[in-house]
Amino acid sequence: MSVDLTLFLSTFLTLFVIMDPPGLLPVFLALTGTMTTRQRRKAAIQATLTSFGVILTFLVFGQLILDFLHISLPALQMSGGLLLLLMAMELLTGRASDPKPGGAVNVALVPLGTPLIAGPGAIVAVMLAARTAGSSPADWAAVIVAVLAMHVVLWLTMRYSIVLFRVLGEGGISLLTRIAGLLLAAIAVQLMADAVFAFLDAR
């Protein structure tokens, strides 16, 4: 069985733009600033696996899940935006930098794994890719391989961000935390604004 290279590339590039590995760096560094090297490595793996699990679930069962729960895509987008906004406020006020027991696990799951990496945009993208794949095994293989490859890139980005952490030091990370908070707040507001316009268009 051959893989549809065009579908693979289009799916991978779409996810790359939406998930934005370079843009993930400052947020990952900010959220893991108080962790040990081992905890950051563990957080990188857990965030990647969490995102992959969420994306794969929505790739296969996305429309069924939303239909069963009577949830619209704009509602999913709005909730993701609110969650990111709460985390942005913690970064801006410095509360997110306070050590928490088990923080490596919690941060990896939320907000890193979802909704930051596996957010509404990525979920919609894979659901559209699933529609394009239809019933073709080759097309489905292309989409799944693209999702897998994207998560390998995400893991490598977070895994080797530790080198950047050592270069920046505590002062640099503190500054980066505030910048990441601003960026995360902007992303959250954009998500919620898009959701509002989507709600209005649906009326």
C-alpha atoms as a PDB file:
ATOM      1  CA  MET A   1       0.000   0.000   0.000  1.00  0.00           C
ATOM      2  CA  SER A   2       1.482   3.339  -1.069  1.00  0.00           C
ATOM      3  CA  VAL A   3       1.014   6.593   0.819  1.00  0.00           C
ATOM      4  CA  ASP A   4      -0.520   9.594  -0.941  1.00  0.00           C
ATOM      5  CA  LEU A   5       2.429  12.014  -0.803  1.00  0.00           C
ATOM      6  CA  THR A   6       0.330  15.073  -1.687  1.00  0.00           C
ATOM      7  CA  LEU A   7      -2.165  14.425   1.114  1.00  0.00           C
ATOM      8  CA  PHE A   8       0.696  13.684   3.513  1.00  0.00           C
ATOM      9  CA  LEU A   9       2.436  16.981   2.727  1.00  0.00           C
ATOM     10  CA  SER A  10      -0.737  19.069   2.835  1.00  0.00           C
ATOM     11  CA  THR A  11      -1.784  17.570   6.183  1.00  0.00           C
ATOM     12  CA  PHE A  12       1.697  17.892   7.687  1.00  0.00           C
ATOM     13  CA  LEU A  13       2.206  21.485   6.548  1.00  0.00           C
ATOM     14  CA  THR A  14      -1.263  22.511   7.740  1.00  0.00           C
ATOM     15  CA  LEU A  15      -0.600  21.035  11.185  1.00  0.00           C
ATOM     16  CA  PHE A  16       2.865  22.599  11.288  1.00  0.00           C
ATOM     17  CA  VAL A  17       1.430  26.070  10.702  1.00  0.00           C
ATOM     18  CA  ILE A  18      -1.385  25.574  13.247  1.00  0.00           C
ATOM     19  CA  MET A  19       0.642  23.832  15.981  1.00  0.00           C
ATOM     20  CA  ASP A  20       3.613  26.173  15.383  1.00  0.00           C
ATOM     21  CA  PRO A  21       6.572  24.336  17.046  1.00  0.00           C
ATOM     22  CA  PRO A  22       8.796  27.479  17.132  1.00  0.00           C
ATOM     23  CA  GLY A  23       5.991  29.444  18.815  1.00  0.00           C
ATOM     24  CA  LEU A  24       5.596  26.638  21.353  1.00  0.00           C
ATOM     25  CA  LEU A  25       9.157  27.108  22.631  1.00  0.00           C
ATOM     26  CA  PRO A  26       8.671  30.185  24.856  1.00  0.00           C
ATOM     27  CA  VAL A  27       5.460  28.806  26.374  1.00  0.00           C
ATOM     28  CA  PHE A  28       7.052  25.423  27.082  1.00  0.00           C
ATOM     29  CA  LEU A  29      10.074  27.084  28.690  1.00  0.00           C
ATOM     30  CA  ALA A  30       7.834  29.354  30.763  1.00  0.00           C
ATOM     31  CA  LEU A  31       5.621  26.532  32.016  1.00  0.00           C
ATOM     32  CA  THR A  32       8.549  24.254  32.859  1.00  0.00           C
ATOM     33  CA  GLY A  33      10.819  26.949  34.317  1.00  0.00           C
ATOM     34  CA  THR A  34      10.776  25.528  37.864  1.00  0.00           C
ATOM     35  CA  MET A  35      11.222  21.901  36.797  1.00  0.00           C
ATOM     36  CA  THR A  36      14.357  19.805  36.838  1.00  0.00           C
ATOM     37  CA  THR A  37      15.885  18.621  33.558  1.00  0.00           C
ATOM     38  CA  ARG A  38      14.357  15.193  34.079  1.00  0.00           C
ATOM     39  CA  GLN A  39      10.902  16.673  34.732  1.00  0.00           C
ATOM     40  CA  ARG A  40      11.101  18.825  31.612  1.00  0.00           C
ATOM     41  CA  ARG A  41      12.010  15.801  29.505  1.00  0.00           C
ATOM     42  CA  LYS A  42       9.104  13.906  31.034  1.00  0.00           C
ATOM     43  CA  ALA A  43       6.771  16.855  30.388  1.00  0.00           C
ATOM     44  CA  ALA A  44       7.887  16.974  26.737  1.00  0.00           C
ATOM     45  CA  ILE A  45       7.044  13.282  26.272  1.00  0.00           C
ATOM     46  CA  GLN A  46       3.716  13.530  28.106  1.00  0.00           C
ATOM     47  CA  ALA A  47       2.635  16.667  26.250  1.00  0.00           C
ATOM     48  CA  THR A  48       3.458  15.008  22.925  1.00  0.00           C
ATOM     49  CA  LEU A  49       1.600  11.795  23.789  1.00  0.00           C
ATOM     50  CA  THR A  50      -1.394  13.731  25.130  1.00  0.00           C
ATOM     51  CA  SER A  51      -1.632  15.798  21.965  1.00  0.00           C
ATOM     52  CA  PHE A  52      -1.193  12.736  19.748  1.00  0.00           C
ATOM     53  CA  GLY A  53      -3.936  10.874  21.620  1.00  0.00           C
ATOM     54  CA  VAL A  54      -6.368  13.802  21.356  1.00  0.00           C
ATOM     55  CA  ILE A  55      -5.624  14.411  17.667  1.00  0.00           C
ATOM     56  CA  LEU A  56      -5.878  10.710  16.779  1.00  0.00           C
ATOM     57  CA  THR A  57      -9.179  10.403  18.663  1.00  0.00           C
ATOM     58  CA  PHE A  58     -10.707  13.345  16.813  1.00  0.00           C
ATOM     59  CA  LEU A  59      -9.230  12.147  13.521  1.00  0.00           C
ATOM     60  CA  VAL A  60     -11.135   8.881  13.810  1.00  0.00           C
ATOM     61  CA  PHE A  61     -14.163   9.759  15.949  1.00  0.00           C
ATOM     62  CA  GLY A  62     -14.276  13.577  15.900  1.00  0.00           C
ATOM     63  CA  GLN A  63     -17.566  14.170  14.166  1.00  0.00           C
ATOM     64  CA  LEU A  64     -19.276  11.364  16.089  1.00  0.00           C
ATOM     65  CA  ILE A  65     -18.084  12.820  19.416  1.00  0.00           C
ATOM     66  CA  LEU A  66     -19.275  16.349  18.601  1.00  0.00           C
ATOM     67  CA  ASP A  67     -22.624  15.103  17.259  1.00  0.00           C
ATOM     68  CA  PHE A  68     -23.205  12.831  20.253  1.00  0.00           C
ATOM     69  CA  LEU A  69     -22.512  15.631  22.753  1.00  0.00           C
ATOM     70  CA  HIS A  70     -24.301  18.245  20.600  1.00  0.00           C
ATOM     71  CA  ILE A  71     -21.171  20.403  20.601  1.00  0.00           C
ATOM     72  CA  SER A  72     -20.362  22.738  17.730  1.00  0.00           C
ATOM     73  CA  LEU A  73     -16.840  23.500  16.575  1.00  0.00           C
ATOM     74  CA  PRO A  74     -17.177  27.174  17.636  1.00  0.00           C
ATOM     75  CA  ALA A  75     -18.128  26.026  21.156  1.00  0.00           C
ATOM     76  CA  LEU A  76     -15.024  23.846  21.273  1.00  0.00           C
ATOM     77  CA  GLN A  77     -12.971  26.792  20.061  1.00  0.00           C
ATOM     78  CA  MET A  78     -14.425  29.143  22.668  1.00  0.00           C
ATOM     79  CA  SER A  79     -13.728  26.730  25.527  1.00  0.00           C
ATOM     80  CA  GLY A  80     -10.149  26.252  24.350  1.00  0.00           C
ATOM     81  CA  GLY A  81      -9.682  30.024  24.216  1.00  0.00           C
ATOM     82  CA  LEU A  82     -10.986  30.480  27.767  1.00  0.00           C
ATOM     83  CA  LEU A  83      -8.671  27.785  29.096  1.00  0.00           C
ATOM     84  CA  LEU A  84      -5.652  29.357  27.400  1.00  0.00           C
ATOM     85  CA  LEU A  85      -6.628  32.800  28.722  1.00  0.00           C
ATOM     86  CA  LEU A  86      -6.649  31.500  32.309  1.00  0.00           C
ATOM     87  CA  MET A  87      -3.175  30.061  31.829  1.00  0.00           C
ATOM     88  CA  ALA A  88      -1.975  33.320  30.233  1.00  0.00           C
ATOM     89  CA  MET A  89      -3.131  35.247  33.295  1.00  0.00           C
ATOM     90  CA  GLU A  90      -1.125  32.914  35.535  1.00  0.00           C
ATOM     91  CA  LEU A  91       1.993  33.455  33.406  1.00  0.00           C
ATOM     92  CA  LEU A  92       1.564  37.229  33.455  1.00  0.00           C
ATOM     93  CA  THR A  93       1.047  37.388  37.230  1.00  0.00           C
ATOM     94  CA  GLY A  94       3.810  34.905  37.987  1.00  0.00           C
ATOM     95  CA  ARG A  95       1.509  32.384  39.667  1.00  0.00           C
ATOM     96  CA  ALA A  96       2.333  29.727  37.066  1.00  0.00           C
ATOM     97  CA  SER A  97       5.984  29.836  38.104  1.00  0.00           C
ATOM     98  CA  ASP A  98       5.227  28.708  41.661  1.00  0.00           C
ATOM     99  CA  PRO A  99       6.329  25.087  42.148  1.00  0.00           C
ATOM    100  CA  LYS A 100       3.441  22.643  42.447  1.00  0.00           C
ATOM    101  CA  PRO A 101       3.597  18.997  43.472  1.00  0.00           C
ATOM    102  CA  GLY A 102       3.265  16.862  40.349  1.00  0.00           C
ATOM    103  CA  GLY A 103       3.376  19.988  38.200  1.00  0.00           C
ATOM    104  CA  ALA A 104       5.314  18.254  35.452  1.00  0.00           C
ATOM    105  CA  VAL A 105       2.405  15.920  34.805  1.00  0.00           C
ATOM    106  CA  ASN A 106      -0.358  18.537  35.091  1.00  0.00           C
ATOM    107  CA  VAL A 107       1.311  21.106  32.831  1.00  0.00           C
ATOM    108  CA  ALA A 108       2.069  18.444  30.236  1.00  0.00           C
ATOM    109  CA  LEU A 109      -1.585  17.461  30.025  1.00  0.00           C
ATOM    110  CA  VAL A 110      -3.143  20.931  30.329  1.00  0.00           C
ATOM    111  CA  PRO A 111      -2.426  23.367  28.791  1.00  0.00           C
ATOM    112  CA  LEU A 112       0.530  21.964  26.795  1.00  0.00           C
ATOM    113  CA  GLY A 113      -0.929  18.727  25.422  1.00  0.00           C
ATOM    114  CA  THR A 114      -4.325  20.311  25.000  1.00  0.00           C
ATOM    115  CA  PRO A 115      -5.535  22.916  24.123  1.00  0.00           C
ATOM    116  CA  LEU A 116      -2.181  24.534  23.258  1.00  0.00           C
ATOM    117  CA  ILE A 117      -0.816  21.832  20.935  1.00  0.00           C
ATOM    118  CA  ALA A 118      -3.947  19.816  20.217  1.00  0.00           C
ATOM    119  CA  GLY A 119      -6.213  22.843  20.051  1.00  0.00           C
ATOM    120  CA  PRO A 120      -9.412  23.551  18.128  1.00  0.00           C
ATOM    121  CA  GLY A 121      -7.494  24.533  14.977  1.00  0.00           C
ATOM    122  CA  ALA A 122      -5.540  21.280  14.862  1.00  0.00           C
ATOM    123  CA  ILE A 123      -8.662  19.253  15.650  1.00  0.00           C
ATOM    124  CA  VAL A 124     -10.600  20.877  12.808  1.00  0.00           C
ATOM    125  CA  ALA A 125      -7.638  20.342  10.464  1.00  0.00           C
ATOM    126  CA  VAL A 126      -7.468  16.590  11.098  1.00  0.00           C
ATOM    127  CA  MET A 127     -11.243  16.237  10.865  1.00  0.00           C
ATOM    128  CA  LEU A 128     -11.120  17.861   7.426  1.00  0.00           C
ATOM    129  CA  ALA A 129      -8.210  15.602   6.478  1.00  0.00           C
ATOM    130  CA  ALA A 130     -10.312  12.593   7.505  1.00  0.00           C
ATOM    131  CA  ARG A 131     -13.082  13.756   5.170  1.00  0.00           C
ATOM    132  CA  THR A 132     -10.554  14.096   2.351  1.00  0.00           C
ATOM    133  CA  ALA A 133      -9.211  10.607   3.033  1.00  0.00           C
ATOM    134  CA  GLY A 134     -12.698   9.126   2.727  1.00  0.00           C
ATOM    135  CA  SER A 135     -12.523   5.333   2.670  1.00  0.00           C
ATOM    136  CA  SER A 136      -9.128   5.034   0.968  1.00  0.00           C
ATOM    137  CA  PRO A 137      -6.592   3.082   3.107  1.00  0.00           C
ATOM    138  CA  ALA A 138      -3.695   4.844   1.335  1.00  0.00           C
ATOM    139  CA  ASP A 139      -5.145   8.270   2.103  1.00  0.00           C
ATOM    140  CA  TRP A 140      -5.765   7.340   5.745  1.00  0.00           C
ATOM    141  CA  ALA A 141      -2.180   6.076   5.995  1.00  0.00           C
ATOM    142  CA  ALA A 142      -0.931   9.417   4.623  1.00  0.00           C
ATOM    143  CA  VAL A 143      -2.933  11.401   7.187  1.00  0.00           C
ATOM    144  CA  ILE A 144      -1.891   9.216  10.148  1.00  0.00           C
ATOM    145  CA  VAL A 145       1.794   9.297   9.136  1.00  0.00           C
ATOM    146  CA  ALA A 146       1.558  13.110   8.794  1.00  0.00           C
ATOM    147  CA  VAL A 147       0.082  13.398  12.308  1.00  0.00           C
ATOM    148  CA  LEU A 148       2.787  11.103  13.688  1.00  0.00           C
ATOM    149  CA  ALA A 149       5.584  13.022  11.925  1.00  0.00           C
ATOM    150  CA  MET A 150       4.226  16.324  13.247  1.00  0.00           C
ATOM    151  CA  HIS A 151       4.321  15.036  16.807  1.00  0.00           C
ATOM    152  CA  VAL A 152       7.895  13.835  16.384  1.00  0.00           C
ATOM    153  CA  VAL A 153       8.785  17.415  15.396  1.00  0.00           C
ATOM    154  CA  LEU A 154       6.918  18.773  18.430  1.00  0.00           C
ATOM    155  CA  TRP A 155       8.697  16.386  20.779  1.00  0.00           C
ATOM    156  CA  LEU A 156      12.116  17.273  19.346  1.00  0.00           C
ATOM    157  CA  THR A 157      11.297  20.980  19.729  1.00  0.00           C
ATOM    158  CA  MET A 158      10.418  20.608  23.412  1.00  0.00           C
ATOM    159  CA  ARG A 159      13.137  18.050  24.135  1.00  0.00           C
ATOM    160  CA  TYR A 160      15.955  20.277  22.901  1.00  0.00           C
ATOM    161  CA  SER A 161      14.485  23.482  24.297  1.00  0.00           C
ATOM    162  CA  ILE A 162      16.354  22.469  27.456  1.00  0.00           C
ATOM    163  CA  VAL A 163      19.560  23.675  25.773  1.00  0.00           C
ATOM    164  CA  LEU A 164      17.929  27.079  25.312  1.00  0.00           C
ATOM    165  CA  PHE A 165      16.825  27.024  28.958  1.00  0.00           C
ATOM    166  CA  ARG A 166      20.439  26.630  30.090  1.00  0.00           C
ATOM    167  CA  VAL A 167      21.557  29.522  27.886  1.00  0.00           C
ATOM    168  CA  LEU A 168      18.850  31.931  29.099  1.00  0.00           C
ATOM    169  CA  GLY A 169      19.175  31.284  32.826  1.00  0.00           C
ATOM    170  CA  GLU A 170      16.566  32.201  35.469  1.00  0.00           C
ATOM    171  CA  GLY A 171      16.412  35.895  34.532  1.00  0.00           C
ATOM    172  CA  GLY A 172      15.879  35.146  30.858  1.00  0.00           C
ATOM    173  CA  ILE A 173      13.210  32.570  31.620  1.00  0.00           C
ATOM    174  CA  SER A 174      11.405  35.056  33.883  1.00  0.00           C
ATOM    175  CA  LEU A 175      11.299  37.593  31.048  1.00  0.00           C
ATOM    176  CA  LEU A 176      10.289  34.897  28.580  1.00  0.00           C
ATOM    177  CA  THR A 177       7.461  33.855  30.902  1.00  0.00           C
ATOM    178  CA  ARG A 178       5.879  37.316  30.713  1.00  0.00           C
ATOM    179  CA  ILE A 179       6.296  37.448  26.929  1.00  0.00           C
ATOM    180  CA  ALA A 180       4.767  33.970  26.638  1.00  0.00           C
ATOM    181  CA  GLY A 181       1.848  35.142  28.773  1.00  0.00           C
ATOM    182  CA  LEU A 182       1.185  38.016  26.388  1.00  0.00           C
ATOM    183  CA  LEU A 183       1.420  35.750  23.352  1.00  0.00           C
ATOM    184  CA  LEU A 184      -0.813  33.134  24.948  1.00  0.00           C
ATOM    185  CA  ALA A 185      -3.393  35.787  25.876  1.00  0.00           C
ATOM    186  CA  ALA A 186      -3.399  37.028  22.274  1.00  0.00           C
ATOM    187  CA  ILE A 187      -3.880  33.479  20.967  1.00  0.00           C
ATOM    188  CA  ALA A 188      -6.728  32.940  23.443  1.00  0.00           C
ATOM    189  CA  VAL A 189      -8.500  36.174  22.474  1.00  0.00           C
ATOM    190  CA  GLN A 190      -8.121  35.318  18.777  1.00  0.00           C
ATOM    191  CA  LEU A 191      -9.621  31.866  19.348  1.00  0.00           C
ATOM    192  CA  MET A 192     -12.592  33.340  21.203  1.00  0.00           C
ATOM    193  CA  ALA A 193     -13.093  36.086  18.610  1.00  0.00           C
ATOM    194  CA  ASP A 194     -13.090  33.509  15.803  1.00  0.00           C
ATOM    195  CA  ALA A 195     -15.596  31.441  17.778  1.00  0.00           C
ATOM    196  CA  VAL A 196     -17.914  34.454  18.191  1.00  0.00           C
ATOM    197  CA  PHE A 197     -17.822  35.208  14.452  1.00  0.00           C
ATOM    198  CA  ALA A 198     -18.456  31.514  13.706  1.00  0.00           C
ATOM    199  CA  PHE A 199     -21.489  31.586  16.035  1.00  0.00           C
ATOM    200  CA  LEU A 200     -22.821  34.696  14.256  1.00  0.00           C
ATOM    201  CA  ASP A 201     -22.277  33.195  10.802  1.00  0.00           C
ATOM    202  CA  ALA A 202     -24.191  30.082  11.858  1.00  0.00           C
ATOM    203  CA  ARG A 203     -27.274  32.079  12.839  1.00  0.00           C
END
